[in-house]
């Protein structure tokens, strides 16, 4: 049976799967016609085209590394009788640590100073004061594994007050962490010093952070997004950052293209930190995710149930 790996992945899972299947990698010329013979597919970030899914007559399972599955047409997969599985929770430490790195860099203007020094600029460092994170209020939108881990770190490191929102999360998972769970997002926007997004992207939360929300946020507040780019109206964010209403934004994810084009308006602003969707890209996480995705795929091909089914 042939399994196709559609984009580059850590060898941990590939080596495991190669002992059990005929594996075709992303750099093989046959990858472009994977749908002709694949019974299983592993994918990380590339989009799985709907037309190719429809042509994949032998396909049984799509195994996705990571949590987000917006690169797969789930409704189509369901109609075709395909199993789609993902690997939630494995990347929680990596992504939470990246969020910590980004908020610290924003608060102390690390990337801004780095650019000034590299450019040979003459500046008065007293004109660029940072802010302390200790005791600040952190807003967490999305109380899943990553949201919890980031909140836990910020509470332990900086004694942050935590406001959290998620209408579906199990409250018991947060019982060991002091926090205030808000029932309406309107109760969060104007009360946080740092806002961090940890929800999947779907039609309902498209541009959940828009001009109206940004106007409600505290002057000088920091915005962190290590989730999905479509959650933020980037054009509105540009205007509020340029006007100085927000203290800064750190974006690991982008709406239309990752990484964004070099002429993206947000990249012209000194109070923006840009990274190319790498929050989960640590060697440890990539290895564990690759292995988990491979094992789930194999489980389905053997007639079993995946560890975490999406469809």
C-alpha atoms as a PDB file:
ATOM      1  CA  UNK A   1       0.000   0.000   0.000  1.00  0.00           C
ATOM      2  CA  UNK A   2       1.285   3.442  -0.921  1.00  0.00           C
ATOM      3  CA  UNK A   3       1.340   6.367   1.470  1.00  0.00           C
ATOM      4  CA  UNK A   4       2.209   9.843   0.217  1.00  0.00           C
ATOM      5  CA  UNK A   5       3.840  12.526   2.348  1.00  0.00           C
ATOM      6  CA  UNK A   6       2.761  15.785   0.732  1.00  0.00           C
ATOM      7  CA  UNK A   7       5.163  18.195   2.420  1.00  0.00           C
ATOM      8  CA  UNK A   8       8.431  18.068   4.308  1.00  0.00           C
ATOM      9  CA  UNK A   9       8.351  16.306   7.661  1.00  0.00           C
ATOM     10  CA  UNK A  10      10.649  15.118  10.400  1.00  0.00           C
ATOM     11  CA  UNK A  11      12.175  11.696   9.643  1.00  0.00           C
ATOM     12  CA  UNK A  12      11.031  10.164  12.949  1.00  0.00           C
ATOM     13  CA  UNK A  13       7.574   9.255  11.669  1.00  0.00           C
ATOM     14  CA  UNK A  14       8.706   8.651   8.107  1.00  0.00           C
ATOM     15  CA  UNK A  15      11.232   6.032   9.163  1.00  0.00           C
ATOM     16  CA  UNK A  16       8.607   4.289  11.283  1.00  0.00           C
ATOM     17  CA  UNK A  17       6.074   4.259   8.450  1.00  0.00           C
ATOM     18  CA  UNK A  18       8.591   3.221   5.798  1.00  0.00           C
ATOM     19  CA  UNK A  19       9.045  -0.077   7.612  1.00  0.00           C
ATOM     20  CA  UNK A  20       5.346  -0.807   7.120  1.00  0.00           C
ATOM     21  CA  UNK A  21       4.285   0.811   3.831  1.00  0.00           C
ATOM     22  CA  UNK A  22       5.596   1.972   0.487  1.00  0.00           C
ATOM     23  CA  UNK A  23       6.315   5.609   1.255  1.00  0.00           C
ATOM     24  CA  UNK A  24       6.425   8.339  -1.402  1.00  0.00           C
ATOM     25  CA  UNK A  25       7.981  11.605  -0.233  1.00  0.00           C
ATOM     26  CA  UNK A  26       7.186  15.213  -1.086  1.00  0.00           C
ATOM     27  CA  UNK A  27      10.297  15.504  -3.294  1.00  0.00           C
ATOM     28  CA  UNK A  28       9.406  12.497  -5.467  1.00  0.00           C
ATOM     29  CA  UNK A  29       8.174  13.400  -9.001  1.00  0.00           C
ATOM     30  CA  UNK A  30       5.151  11.156  -8.420  1.00  0.00           C
ATOM     31  CA  UNK A  31       4.006  13.437  -5.609  1.00  0.00           C
ATOM     32  CA  UNK A  32       2.177  15.639  -8.147  1.00  0.00           C
ATOM     33  CA  UNK A  33      -0.151  12.745  -8.989  1.00  0.00           C
ATOM     34  CA  UNK A  34      -0.464  11.292  -5.493  1.00  0.00           C
ATOM     35  CA  UNK A  35      -4.207  10.875  -5.951  1.00  0.00           C
ATOM     36  CA  UNK A  36      -3.714   8.130  -8.525  1.00  0.00           C
ATOM     37  CA  UNK A  37      -2.531   5.512  -6.038  1.00  0.00           C
ATOM     38  CA  UNK A  38      -2.396   6.792  -2.441  1.00  0.00           C
ATOM     39  CA  UNK A  39      -4.327   4.894   0.219  1.00  0.00           C
ATOM     40  CA  UNK A  40      -3.066   7.279   2.875  1.00  0.00           C
ATOM     41  CA  UNK A  41      -1.710  10.812   2.985  1.00  0.00           C
ATOM     42  CA  UNK A  42       0.333  12.681   5.568  1.00  0.00           C
ATOM     43  CA  UNK A  43       0.268  16.463   5.445  1.00  0.00           C
ATOM     44  CA  UNK A  44       1.527  19.326   7.552  1.00  0.00           C
ATOM     45  CA  UNK A  45       0.834  22.784   6.101  1.00  0.00           C
ATOM     46  CA  UNK A  46       0.201  22.444   2.358  1.00  0.00           C
ATOM     47  CA  UNK A  47      -3.377  22.570   1.144  1.00  0.00           C
ATOM     48  CA  UNK A  48      -4.932  19.321  -0.042  1.00  0.00           C
ATOM     49  CA  UNK A  49      -6.837  20.381  -3.187  1.00  0.00           C
ATOM     50  CA  UNK A  50     -10.487  19.349  -3.256  1.00  0.00           C
ATOM     51  CA  UNK A  51     -10.286  18.247  -6.884  1.00  0.00           C
ATOM     52  CA  UNK A  52      -7.410  15.897  -6.043  1.00  0.00           C
ATOM     53  CA  UNK A  53      -9.297  14.472  -3.063  1.00  0.00           C
ATOM     54  CA  UNK A  54     -12.193  13.674  -5.396  1.00  0.00           C
ATOM     55  CA  UNK A  55      -9.852  11.903  -7.808  1.00  0.00           C
ATOM     56  CA  UNK A  56      -8.205   9.819  -5.074  1.00  0.00           C
ATOM     57  CA  UNK A  57     -10.260   6.660  -5.510  1.00  0.00           C
ATOM     58  CA  UNK A  58      -8.117   4.520  -3.202  1.00  0.00           C
ATOM     59  CA  UNK A  59      -7.659   7.106  -0.458  1.00  0.00           C
ATOM     60  CA  UNK A  60      -8.809   6.112   3.032  1.00  0.00           C
ATOM     61  CA  UNK A  61      -7.118   8.488   5.448  1.00  0.00           C
ATOM     62  CA  UNK A  62      -5.511  11.935   5.688  1.00  0.00           C
ATOM     63  CA  UNK A  63      -3.263  12.298   8.719  1.00  0.00           C
ATOM     64  CA  UNK A  64      -2.467  15.896   9.653  1.00  0.00           C
ATOM     65  CA  UNK A  65       0.515  16.990  11.737  1.00  0.00           C
ATOM     66  CA  UNK A  66      -0.546  19.599  14.276  1.00  0.00           C
ATOM     67  CA  UNK A  67      -3.961  20.833  15.318  1.00  0.00           C
ATOM     68  CA  UNK A  68      -5.287  23.084  12.547  1.00  0.00           C
ATOM     69  CA  UNK A  69      -7.058  21.358   9.675  1.00  0.00           C
ATOM     70  CA  UNK A  70      -8.080  24.365   7.599  1.00  0.00           C
ATOM     71  CA  UNK A  71      -5.895  23.060   4.739  1.00  0.00           C
ATOM     72  CA  UNK A  72      -8.284  20.115   4.317  1.00  0.00           C
ATOM     73  CA  UNK A  73     -11.885  20.302   3.075  1.00  0.00           C
ATOM     74  CA  UNK A  74     -13.523  18.456   5.965  1.00  0.00           C
ATOM     75  CA  UNK A  75     -17.026  18.455   4.501  1.00  0.00           C
ATOM     76  CA  UNK A  76     -15.714  16.925   1.306  1.00  0.00           C
ATOM     77  CA  UNK A  77     -13.678  14.378   3.252  1.00  0.00           C
ATOM     78  CA  UNK A  78     -16.786  13.347   5.162  1.00  0.00           C
ATOM     79  CA  UNK A  79     -18.839  13.019   1.987  1.00  0.00           C
ATOM     80  CA  UNK A  80     -16.112  10.847   0.471  1.00  0.00           C
ATOM     81  CA  UNK A  81     -15.985   8.601   3.518  1.00  0.00           C
ATOM     82  CA  UNK A  82     -12.415   9.573   4.390  1.00  0.00           C
ATOM     83  CA  UNK A  83     -10.924   9.569   7.853  1.00  0.00           C
ATOM     84  CA  UNK A  84      -9.135  12.781   8.841  1.00  0.00           C
ATOM     85  CA  UNK A  85      -7.043  12.804  12.016  1.00  0.00           C
ATOM     86  CA  UNK A  86      -4.682  15.304  13.646  1.00  0.00           C
ATOM     87  CA  UNK A  87      -2.234  15.515  16.545  1.00  0.00           C
ATOM     88  CA  UNK A  88      -3.503  18.015  19.147  1.00  0.00           C
ATOM     89  CA  UNK A  89      -1.584  18.668  22.338  1.00  0.00           C
ATOM     90  CA  UNK A  90       1.808  17.553  21.086  1.00  0.00           C
ATOM     91  CA  UNK A  91       2.908  21.058  20.117  1.00  0.00           C
ATOM     92  CA  UNK A  92       1.535  22.836  23.182  1.00  0.00           C
ATOM     93  CA  UNK A  93       4.898  23.454  24.851  1.00  0.00           C
ATOM     94  CA  UNK A  94       6.588  24.646  21.666  1.00  0.00           C
ATOM     95  CA  UNK A  95       3.793  27.053  20.721  1.00  0.00           C
ATOM     96  CA  UNK A  96       3.367  28.377  24.262  1.00  0.00           C
ATOM     97  CA  UNK A  97       7.112  28.993  24.533  1.00  0.00           C
ATOM     98  CA  UNK A  98       6.994  30.857  21.218  1.00  0.00           C
ATOM     99  CA  UNK A  99       4.148  33.032  22.501  1.00  0.00           C
ATOM    100  CA  UNK A 100       6.258  33.766  25.581  1.00  0.00           C
ATOM    101  CA  UNK A 101       9.223  34.674  23.383  1.00  0.00           C
ATOM    102  CA  UNK A 102       7.107  37.001  21.270  1.00  0.00           C
ATOM    103  CA  UNK A 103       5.420  38.829  24.131  1.00  0.00           C
ATOM    104  CA  UNK A 104       8.753  39.351  25.890  1.00  0.00           C
ATOM    105  CA  UNK A 105      10.334  40.632  22.697  1.00  0.00           C
ATOM    106  CA  UNK A 106       7.460  43.053  22.148  1.00  0.00           C
ATOM    107  CA  UNK A 107       7.442  44.297  25.720  1.00  0.00           C
ATOM    108  CA  UNK A 108      11.175  45.056  25.683  1.00  0.00           C
ATOM    109  CA  UNK A 109      11.425  46.095  22.001  1.00  0.00           C
ATOM    110  CA  UNK A 110      14.029  43.410  21.290  1.00  0.00           C
ATOM    111  CA  UNK A 111      13.529  43.191  17.530  1.00  0.00           C
ATOM    112  CA  UNK A 112      13.220  46.972  17.233  1.00  0.00           C
ATOM    113  CA  UNK A 113      16.566  47.529  18.947  1.00  0.00           C
ATOM    114  CA  UNK A 114      18.129  44.765  16.884  1.00  0.00           C
ATOM    115  CA  UNK A 115      17.076  46.470  13.644  1.00  0.00           C
ATOM    116  CA  UNK A 116      18.264  49.893  14.802  1.00  0.00           C
ATOM    117  CA  UNK A 117      21.698  48.579  15.742  1.00  0.00           C
ATOM    118  CA  UNK A 118      22.129  46.564  12.541  1.00  0.00           C
ATOM    119  CA  UNK A 119      21.189  49.633  10.491  1.00  0.00           C
ATOM    120  CA  UNK A 120      23.794  51.734  12.264  1.00  0.00           C
ATOM    121  CA  UNK A 121      21.100  54.131  13.477  1.00  0.00           C
ATOM    122  CA  UNK A 122      21.865  56.819  16.011  1.00  0.00           C
ATOM    123  CA  UNK A 123      19.196  56.801  18.697  1.00  0.00           C
ATOM    124  CA  UNK A 124      18.567  57.675  22.312  1.00  0.00           C
ATOM    125  CA  UNK A 125      17.658  54.467  24.100  1.00  0.00           C
ATOM    126  CA  UNK A 126      15.768  56.439  26.740  1.00  0.00           C
ATOM    127  CA  UNK A 127      13.224  57.300  24.061  1.00  0.00           C
ATOM    128  CA  UNK A 128      12.353  53.602  23.684  1.00  0.00           C
ATOM    129  CA  UNK A 129      11.190  52.450  27.109  1.00  0.00           C
ATOM    130  CA  UNK A 130       9.914  48.916  27.481  1.00  0.00           C
ATOM    131  CA  UNK A 131       7.145  47.663  29.719  1.00  0.00           C
ATOM    132  CA  UNK A 132       7.204  45.061  32.475  1.00  0.00           C
ATOM    133  CA  UNK A 133       4.994  42.005  32.203  1.00  0.00           C
ATOM    134  CA  UNK A 134       4.887  41.357  35.925  1.00  0.00           C
ATOM    135  CA  UNK A 135       1.358  41.703  37.278  1.00  0.00           C
ATOM    136  CA  UNK A 136      -0.165  42.519  33.905  1.00  0.00           C
ATOM    137  CA  UNK A 137      -3.542  41.158  32.764  1.00  0.00           C
ATOM    138  CA  UNK A 138      -3.351  38.485  30.072  1.00  0.00           C
ATOM    139  CA  UNK A 139      -6.353  37.672  27.897  1.00  0.00           C
ATOM    140  CA  UNK A 140      -6.491  34.145  26.497  1.00  0.00           C
ATOM    141  CA  UNK A 141      -8.981  33.474  23.702  1.00  0.00           C
ATOM    142  CA  UNK A 142      -9.221  29.702  23.405  1.00  0.00           C
ATOM    143  CA  UNK A 143      -8.813  27.511  26.497  1.00  0.00           C
ATOM    144  CA  UNK A 144      -7.327  24.456  24.824  1.00  0.00           C
ATOM    145  CA  UNK A 145      -3.942  22.846  25.408  1.00  0.00           C
ATOM    146  CA  UNK A 146      -1.866  25.747  24.074  1.00  0.00           C
ATOM    147  CA  UNK A 147      -3.934  28.476  25.691  1.00  0.00           C
ATOM    148  CA  UNK A 148      -3.648  26.733  29.040  1.00  0.00           C
ATOM    149  CA  UNK A 149       0.098  26.178  28.739  1.00  0.00           C
ATOM    150  CA  UNK A 150       0.768  29.810  27.828  1.00  0.00           C
ATOM    151  CA  UNK A 151      -1.440  31.046  30.668  1.00  0.00           C
ATOM    152  CA  UNK A 152       0.343  28.716  33.100  1.00  0.00           C
ATOM    153  CA  UNK A 153       3.759  29.998  32.053  1.00  0.00           C
ATOM    154  CA  UNK A 154       2.727  33.648  32.271  1.00  0.00           C
ATOM    155  CA  UNK A 155       1.153  33.116  35.681  1.00  0.00           C
ATOM    156  CA  UNK A 156       4.219  31.334  37.028  1.00  0.00           C
ATOM    157  CA  UNK A 157       6.779  33.685  35.512  1.00  0.00           C
ATOM    158  CA  UNK A 158       5.076  37.057  35.830  1.00  0.00           C
ATOM    159  CA  UNK A 159       2.166  36.630  38.274  1.00  0.00           C
ATOM    160  CA  UNK A 160      -0.178  37.713  35.499  1.00  0.00           C
ATOM    161  CA  UNK A 161      -3.887  38.013  36.088  1.00  0.00           C
ATOM    162  CA  UNK A 162      -5.544  35.652  33.620  1.00  0.00           C
ATOM    163  CA  UNK A 163      -8.818  36.294  31.799  1.00  0.00           C
ATOM    164  CA  UNK A 164      -9.876  33.371  29.618  1.00  0.00           C
ATOM    165  CA  UNK A 165     -12.668  32.825  27.117  1.00  0.00           C
ATOM    166  CA  UNK A 166     -13.903  29.641  25.496  1.00  0.00           C
ATOM    167  CA  UNK A 167     -17.581  28.672  25.320  1.00  0.00           C
ATOM    168  CA  UNK A 168     -16.781  24.990  24.816  1.00  0.00           C
ATOM    169  CA  UNK A 169     -13.793  24.269  27.046  1.00  0.00           C
ATOM    170  CA  UNK A 170     -14.036  21.882  29.984  1.00  0.00           C
ATOM    171  CA  UNK A 171     -13.643  24.007  33.112  1.00  0.00           C
ATOM    172  CA  UNK A 172     -12.030  21.139  35.027  1.00  0.00           C
ATOM    173  CA  UNK A 173      -8.902  21.327  32.862  1.00  0.00           C
ATOM    174  CA  UNK A 174      -8.239  24.819  34.222  1.00  0.00           C
ATOM    175  CA  UNK A 175      -9.134  24.088  37.838  1.00  0.00           C
ATOM    176  CA  UNK A 176      -5.507  24.131  38.962  1.00  0.00           C
ATOM    177  CA  UNK A 177      -4.758  27.553  37.481  1.00  0.00           C
ATOM    178  CA  UNK A 178      -6.064  30.751  39.017  1.00  0.00           C
ATOM    179  CA  UNK A 179      -8.026  32.607  36.345  1.00  0.00           C
ATOM    180  CA  UNK A 180     -11.267  34.413  35.590  1.00  0.00           C
ATOM    181  CA  UNK A 181     -13.371  32.823  32.890  1.00  0.00           C
ATOM    182  CA  UNK A 182     -15.373  35.423  31.004  1.00  0.00           C
ATOM    183  CA  UNK A 183     -18.567  34.478  29.196  1.00  0.00           C
ATOM    184  CA  UNK A 184     -18.484  37.303  26.666  1.00  0.00           C
ATOM    185  CA  UNK A 185     -15.501  38.526  24.673  1.00  0.00           C
ATOM    186  CA  UNK A 186     -16.680  42.095  25.151  1.00  0.00           C
ATOM    187  CA  UNK A 187     -15.690  41.683  28.791  1.00  0.00           C
ATOM    188  CA  UNK A 188     -12.115  40.964  27.744  1.00  0.00           C
ATOM    189  CA  UNK A 189     -11.076  43.400  25.024  1.00  0.00           C
ATOM    190  CA  UNK A 190     -10.792  46.547  27.150  1.00  0.00           C
ATOM    191  CA  UNK A 191      -9.398  44.850  30.247  1.00  0.00           C
ATOM    192  CA  UNK A 192      -6.224  43.134  29.090  1.00  0.00           C
ATOM    193  CA  UNK A 193      -2.662  44.340  28.659  1.00  0.00           C
ATOM    194  CA  UNK A 194      -1.789  41.357  26.472  1.00  0.00           C
ATOM    195  CA  UNK A 195      -4.252  39.575  24.185  1.00  0.00           C
ATOM    196  CA  UNK A 196      -3.254  36.140  22.891  1.00  0.00           C
ATOM    197  CA  UNK A 197      -5.258  34.087  20.386  1.00  0.00           C
ATOM    198  CA  UNK A 198      -5.422  30.289  20.640  1.00  0.00           C
ATOM    199  CA  UNK A 199      -8.432  29.212  18.584  1.00  0.00           C
ATOM    200  CA  UNK A 200      -8.788  27.399  15.253  1.00  0.00           C
ATOM    201  CA  UNK A 201      -9.855  29.339  12.199  1.00  0.00           C
ATOM    202  CA  UNK A 202     -13.347  28.926  10.790  1.00  0.00           C
ATOM    203  CA  UNK A 203     -16.019  31.047   9.145  1.00  0.00           C
ATOM    204  CA  UNK A 204     -17.496  32.048  12.497  1.00  0.00           C
ATOM    205  CA  UNK A 205     -14.319  33.611  13.870  1.00  0.00           C
ATOM    206  CA  UNK A 206     -13.013  35.137  10.650  1.00  0.00           C
ATOM    207  CA  UNK A 207     -11.590  38.545  11.627  1.00  0.00           C
ATOM    208  CA  UNK A 208     -12.738  38.124  15.212  1.00  0.00           C
ATOM    209  CA  UNK A 209     -10.172  40.830  15.996  1.00  0.00           C
ATOM    210  CA  UNK A 210     -11.401  43.641  13.773  1.00  0.00           C
ATOM    211  CA  UNK A 211     -11.483  47.436  13.889  1.00  0.00           C
ATOM    212  CA  UNK A 212     -14.276  47.481  16.468  1.00  0.00           C
ATOM    213  CA  UNK A 213     -12.338  45.169  18.780  1.00  0.00           C
ATOM    214  CA  UNK A 214      -9.044  47.002  18.315  1.00  0.00           C
ATOM    215  CA  UNK A 215     -10.745  50.279  19.216  1.00  0.00           C
ATOM    216  CA  UNK A 216     -11.856  48.755  22.519  1.00  0.00           C
ATOM    217  CA  UNK A 217      -8.406  47.508  23.493  1.00  0.00           C
ATOM    218  CA  UNK A 218      -6.310  49.357  26.048  1.00  0.00           C
ATOM    219  CA  UNK A 219      -3.906  51.957  24.682  1.00  0.00           C
ATOM    220  CA  UNK A 220      -0.508  50.306  24.566  1.00  0.00           C
ATOM    221  CA  UNK A 221      -1.872  46.746  24.675  1.00  0.00           C
ATOM    222  CA  UNK A 222       0.071  43.951  22.989  1.00  0.00           C
ATOM    223  CA  UNK A 223      -1.455  41.439  20.557  1.00  0.00           C
ATOM    224  CA  UNK A 224      -0.054  37.930  20.043  1.00  0.00           C
ATOM    225  CA  UNK A 225      -1.235  35.493  17.372  1.00  0.00           C
ATOM    226  CA  UNK A 226       0.311  32.037  17.135  1.00  0.00           C
ATOM    227  CA  UNK A 227      -2.936  30.423  15.996  1.00  0.00           C
ATOM    228  CA  UNK A 228      -4.290  31.263  12.521  1.00  0.00           C
ATOM    229  CA  UNK A 229      -3.938  34.383  10.392  1.00  0.00           C
ATOM    230  CA  UNK A 230      -7.564  34.824   9.392  1.00  0.00           C
ATOM    231  CA  UNK A 231      -8.518  35.605  12.976  1.00  0.00           C
ATOM    232  CA  UNK A 232      -7.226  39.176  12.611  1.00  0.00           C
ATOM    233  CA  UNK A 233      -8.222  41.887  10.166  1.00  0.00           C
ATOM    234  CA  UNK A 234      -4.667  42.786   9.155  1.00  0.00           C
ATOM    235  CA  UNK A 235      -5.671  46.025   7.415  1.00  0.00           C
ATOM    236  CA  UNK A 236      -7.403  47.268  10.559  1.00  0.00           C
ATOM    237  CA  UNK A 237      -4.485  46.148  12.718  1.00  0.00           C
ATOM    238  CA  UNK A 238      -2.103  48.154  10.559  1.00  0.00           C
ATOM    239  CA  UNK A 239      -4.131  51.320  11.089  1.00  0.00           C
ATOM    240  CA  UNK A 240      -4.329  50.934  14.871  1.00  0.00           C
ATOM    241  CA  UNK A 241      -0.625  50.134  15.185  1.00  0.00           C
ATOM    242  CA  UNK A 242       0.394  52.994  12.915  1.00  0.00           C
ATOM    243  CA  UNK A 243      -1.766  55.389  14.931  1.00  0.00           C
ATOM    244  CA  UNK A 244      -0.050  54.262  18.127  1.00  0.00           C
ATOM    245  CA  UNK A 245      -3.178  52.928  19.797  1.00  0.00           C
ATOM    246  CA  UNK A 246      -1.617  49.510  20.356  1.00  0.00           C
ATOM    247  CA  UNK A 247       1.823  48.964  21.795  1.00  0.00           C
ATOM    248  CA  UNK A 248       2.678  46.257  19.303  1.00  0.00           C
ATOM    249  CA  UNK A 249       1.738  42.999  17.640  1.00  0.00           C
ATOM    250  CA  UNK A 250       3.638  39.751  17.186  1.00  0.00           C
ATOM    251  CA  UNK A 251       2.316  37.546  14.403  1.00  0.00           C
ATOM    252  CA  UNK A 252       3.491  34.034  13.644  1.00  0.00           C
ATOM    253  CA  UNK A 253       0.540  33.425  11.324  1.00  0.00           C
ATOM    254  CA  UNK A 254      -0.778  35.432   8.385  1.00  0.00           C
ATOM    255  CA  UNK A 255      -4.009  35.592   6.452  1.00  0.00           C
ATOM    256  CA  UNK A 256      -3.107  35.241   2.789  1.00  0.00           C
ATOM    257  CA  UNK A 257       0.470  34.030   2.540  1.00  0.00           C
ATOM    258  CA  UNK A 258       3.024  32.571   4.937  1.00  0.00           C
ATOM    259  CA  UNK A 259       5.499  34.097   5.197  1.00  0.00           C
ATOM    260  CA  UNK A 260       3.931  37.379   4.102  1.00  0.00           C
ATOM    261  CA  UNK A 261       5.285  39.280   1.108  1.00  0.00           C
ATOM    262  CA  UNK A 262       8.127  41.639   1.956  1.00  0.00           C
ATOM    263  CA  UNK A 263       5.960  44.624   1.014  1.00  0.00           C
ATOM    264  CA  UNK A 264       3.170  43.715   3.444  1.00  0.00           C
ATOM    265  CA  UNK A 265       2.126  46.958   5.183  1.00  0.00           C
ATOM    266  CA  UNK A 266       2.535  45.499   8.666  1.00  0.00           C
ATOM    267  CA  UNK A 267       6.206  44.820   7.972  1.00  0.00           C
ATOM    268  CA  UNK A 268       6.834  48.555   7.630  1.00  0.00           C
ATOM    269  CA  UNK A 269       5.980  49.155  11.284  1.00  0.00           C
ATOM    270  CA  UNK A 270       8.651  49.078  14.002  1.00  0.00           C
ATOM    271  CA  UNK A 271       6.240  47.678  16.603  1.00  0.00           C
ATOM    272  CA  UNK A 272       5.473  44.498  14.663  1.00  0.00           C
ATOM    273  CA  UNK A 273       7.342  41.217  15.065  1.00  0.00           C
ATOM    274  CA  UNK A 274       6.884  38.830  12.146  1.00  0.00           C
ATOM    275  CA  UNK A 275       7.671  35.118  12.072  1.00  0.00           C
ATOM    276  CA  UNK A 276       6.743  32.564   9.366  1.00  0.00           C
ATOM    277  CA  UNK A 277       4.376  30.134  11.158  1.00  0.00           C
ATOM    278  CA  UNK A 278       7.109  28.395  13.115  1.00  0.00           C
ATOM    279  CA  UNK A 279       5.668  28.396  16.641  1.00  0.00           C
ATOM    280  CA  UNK A 280       5.412  24.616  16.639  1.00  0.00           C
ATOM    281  CA  UNK A 281       8.678  24.035  14.822  1.00  0.00           C
ATOM    282  CA  UNK A 282      11.007  22.678  17.453  1.00  0.00           C
ATOM    283  CA  UNK A 283      12.974  19.520  16.803  1.00  0.00           C
ATOM    284  CA  UNK A 284      11.259  17.809  19.723  1.00  0.00           C
ATOM    285  CA  UNK A 285       7.733  18.683  18.617  1.00  0.00           C
ATOM    286  CA  UNK A 286       8.329  17.942  14.942  1.00  0.00           C
ATOM    287  CA  UNK A 287       9.664  14.492  15.819  1.00  0.00           C
ATOM    288  CA  UNK A 288       6.771  13.635  18.145  1.00  0.00           C
ATOM    289  CA  UNK A 289       4.133  15.007  15.758  1.00  0.00           C
ATOM    290  CA  UNK A 290       5.582  13.147  12.800  1.00  0.00           C
ATOM    291  CA  UNK A 291       5.557   9.861  14.686  1.00  0.00           C
ATOM    292  CA  UNK A 292       2.033  10.380  16.019  1.00  0.00           C
ATOM    293  CA  UNK A 293       0.697  11.239  12.557  1.00  0.00           C
ATOM    294  CA  UNK A 294       2.377   8.164  11.075  1.00  0.00           C
ATOM    295  CA  UNK A 295       1.041   5.852  13.771  1.00  0.00           C
ATOM    296  CA  UNK A 296      -2.494   7.199  13.411  1.00  0.00           C
ATOM    297  CA  UNK A 297      -2.417   6.726   9.661  1.00  0.00           C
ATOM    298  CA  UNK A 298      -1.215   3.155  10.064  1.00  0.00           C
ATOM    299  CA  UNK A 299      -3.879   2.475  12.680  1.00  0.00           C
ATOM    300  CA  UNK A 300      -6.615   3.482  10.235  1.00  0.00           C
ATOM    301  CA  UNK A 301      -5.128   1.455   7.391  1.00  0.00           C
ATOM    302  CA  UNK A 302      -5.198  -1.568   9.688  1.00  0.00           C
ATOM    303  CA  UNK A 303      -8.904  -1.069  10.279  1.00  0.00           C
ATOM    304  CA  UNK A 304      -8.541   0.596  13.653  1.00  0.00           C
ATOM    305  CA  UNK A 305      -9.576   3.919  15.120  1.00  0.00           C
ATOM    306  CA  UNK A 306      -7.125   6.868  15.126  1.00  0.00           C
ATOM    307  CA  UNK A 307      -6.060   8.415  18.410  1.00  0.00           C
ATOM    308  CA  UNK A 308      -7.716  11.697  17.453  1.00  0.00           C
ATOM    309  CA  UNK A 309     -10.323  11.680  14.709  1.00  0.00           C
ATOM    310  CA  UNK A 310     -11.496  14.959  13.161  1.00  0.00           C
ATOM    311  CA  UNK A 311     -13.760  13.354  10.536  1.00  0.00           C
END
